[in-house]
């Protein structure tokens, strides 16, 4: 319920600064995903600067993921102590589509 009320929604996330996008690029991240409603800090507004989506997707070609369910993966990593894996996720093939549920798989 709270997620549908934009005035009540508050979430941590990446800052919109150019330096944050540069850090992600310089550290060779292929994509970024989070379990928050927005990858960026929310609420977002003109006072926070540019929207990180605008830097990551069109400028850097870096896919983003939001609202990922990461609890099971975190528990599995904690259980076996292995925190490295290949993560693959393919969007739905919908011409003109702008979003897709993740079809993600972590392979250890």
Foldseek 3Di string as FASTA:
>chain_A
DQVVVLVNDWDAADQQDPVSVVVCVVVPPQAEEDLAQDNHTPPDDVVRPDDNCVCACPPVVHYYYYNDDCPVVVVVCVVVVDPDWDKDWDADPDVPDDDGDTPIDTGD
